[in-house]
Amino acid sequence: MPNQVGVERREMPRFELHLPVEIALVGSRGSLQAVTRDVSARGVYIVLESELTPKSNIEFTLTLPPEVTMTKSIRVRCSGHVLRVIRHGDEFGVAANIHHYEFISNSSLSAN
C-alpha cells in the first residue's frame, strides 16, 4: 500500500473554535484550564500547558457560544480519551475522542 501522507482521515468535519475548556483526568482531583483549537461531533483538539498521557480517560467541559448554538451559550460536559499528544514548544496539543456528552443546564451548575 502506498504511503498516504496528507490524506484526510477524519470522519466528521472539524470546526475551528477557540473555546475555554476545563479538563479533569478520570479518577484524579483537580482540573486543568485549556483552549480548544478545533471541535467535531466525535473529537476535539485541545491546547494546554500540561502533558496528558495517550489513552488516558478525560472529562472536559466547554461552553458553546451563541454564534455556534444560534441561541444562548450552552455548556457541554464530555467524556472521552486521549488519542495523541503533540508538543508545541511550551504547550501540548491533545487530540481526544468524545465518547459521551451532555448539555448542562444553569440549574445543574448552581448545584455543583
Protein backbone atom coordinates (compact mmCIF):
# COMPACT_ATOMS: atom_id res chain seq x y z
CA MET A 1 0.00 0.00 0.00
CA PRO A 2 1.49 3.39 -0.94
CA ASN A 3 2.25 5.94 1.76
CA GLN A 4 -0.77 8.25 2.07
CA VAL A 5 0.84 11.27 3.69
CA GLY A 6 -1.57 14.19 3.88
CA VAL A 7 -4.71 12.10 3.34
CA GLU A 8 -7.62 13.32 5.47
CA ARG A 9 -8.67 10.54 7.88
CA ARG A 10 -11.33 12.37 9.85
CA GLU A 11 -14.84 11.00 9.60
CA MET A 12 -16.57 14.16 10.82
CA PRO A 13 -15.89 17.76 9.80
CA ARG A 14 -13.97 19.82 12.34
CA PHE A 15 -14.72 23.42 13.12
CA GLU A 16 -12.02 25.84 14.20
CA LEU A 17 -13.28 27.01 17.58
CA HIS A 18 -11.08 28.56 20.24
CA LEU A 19 -13.15 27.89 23.36
CA PRO A 20 -12.10 27.75 27.01
CA VAL A 21 -12.23 24.20 28.32
CA GLU A 22 -11.78 22.67 31.77
CA ILE A 23 -10.21 19.19 31.76
CA ALA A 24 -10.20 16.56 34.50
CA LEU A 25 -8.40 13.22 34.39
CA VAL A 26 -10.82 10.47 35.37
CA GLY A 27 -10.07 9.29 38.90
CA SER A 28 -7.96 12.29 39.91
CA ARG A 29 -8.69 15.52 41.72
CA GLY A 30 -8.30 18.96 40.29
CA SER A 31 -8.62 20.25 36.78
CA LEU A 32 -6.63 21.92 34.03
CA GLN A 33 -7.61 25.01 32.09
CA ALA A 34 -7.07 24.93 28.33
CA VAL A 35 -8.40 26.15 24.97
CA THR A 36 -9.81 24.15 22.09
CA ARG A 37 -8.31 24.56 18.64
CA ASP A 38 -11.00 22.66 16.81
CA VAL A 39 -14.09 20.62 17.64
CA SER A 40 -16.20 18.00 15.86
CA ALA A 41 -19.09 15.77 16.89
CA ARG A 42 -16.67 12.95 17.74
CA GLY A 43 -13.49 14.68 18.83
CA VAL A 44 -11.63 17.74 19.99
CA TYR A 45 -8.12 19.17 19.74
CA ILE A 46 -7.09 20.98 22.91
CA VAL A 47 -4.01 23.11 23.57
CA LEU A 48 -2.77 23.19 27.17
CA GLU A 49 0.36 23.74 29.24
CA SER A 50 0.41 20.25 30.81
CA GLU A 51 1.15 16.98 29.07
CA LEU A 52 -1.53 14.27 29.16
CA THR A 53 -0.90 10.56 28.64
CA PRO A 54 -2.21 8.93 25.46
CA LYS A 55 -5.11 6.52 26.12
CA SER A 56 -5.94 8.23 29.43
CA ASN A 57 -9.63 8.88 30.11
CA ILE A 58 -10.62 12.51 30.47
CA GLU A 59 -13.70 14.56 31.21
CA PHE A 60 -13.97 18.12 29.97
CA THR A 61 -16.47 20.93 29.96
CA LEU A 62 -16.71 23.63 27.35
CA THR A 63 -19.15 26.40 26.52
CA LEU A 64 -20.55 26.69 23.02
CA PRO A 65 -21.12 30.39 22.25
CA PRO A 66 -24.32 31.88 20.78
CA GLU A 67 -22.60 32.14 17.37
CA VAL A 68 -22.49 28.33 17.27
CA THR A 69 -25.77 27.44 19.01
CA MET A 70 -27.82 30.21 17.31
CA THR A 71 -29.39 30.83 20.73
CA LYS A 72 -27.73 31.33 24.12
CA SER A 73 -24.39 29.93 25.33
CA ILE A 74 -24.63 26.24 26.18
CA ARG A 75 -22.25 24.33 28.47
CA VAL A 76 -21.39 20.79 27.41
CA ARG A 77 -19.79 18.14 29.64
CA CYS A 78 -17.92 15.47 27.67
CA SER A 79 -16.05 12.26 28.40
CA GLY A 80 -13.52 10.61 26.14
CA HIS A 81 -9.92 9.50 25.90
CA VAL A 82 -6.65 10.96 24.69
CA LEU A 83 -5.63 9.70 21.24
CA ARG A 84 -2.32 11.51 20.87
CA VAL A 85 -0.24 14.31 22.35
CA ILE A 86 1.97 16.64 20.29
CA ARG A 87 4.45 19.05 21.86
CA HIS A 88 4.34 22.63 20.53
CA GLY A 89 7.17 24.44 22.34
CA ASP A 90 5.94 25.06 25.90
CA GLU A 91 2.43 23.79 25.12
CA PHE A 92 0.89 20.44 24.27
CA GLY A 93 -1.71 19.66 21.64
CA VAL A 94 -4.08 16.90 22.69
CA ALA A 95 -6.34 15.08 20.27
CA ALA A 96 -9.18 13.29 22.09
CA ASN A 97 -12.23 11.26 21.15
CA ILE A 98 -15.61 12.18 22.57
CA HIS A 99 -17.46 9.09 23.82
CA HIS A 100 -20.33 10.80 25.60
CA TYR A 101 -21.61 14.32 26.07
CA GLU A 102 -24.41 16.02 27.95
CA PHE A 103 -25.75 19.55 27.96
CA ILE A 104 -25.57 21.22 31.37
CA SER A 105 -28.43 23.40 32.46
CA ASN A 106 -27.87 26.52 34.55
CA SER A 107 -29.63 24.82 37.48
CA SER A 108 -27.07 21.96 37.32
CA LEU A 109 -24.23 24.47 37.52
CA SER A 110 -25.51 26.06 40.71
CA ALA A 111 -25.93 22.62 42.33
CA ASN A 112 -22.22 21.77 41.84
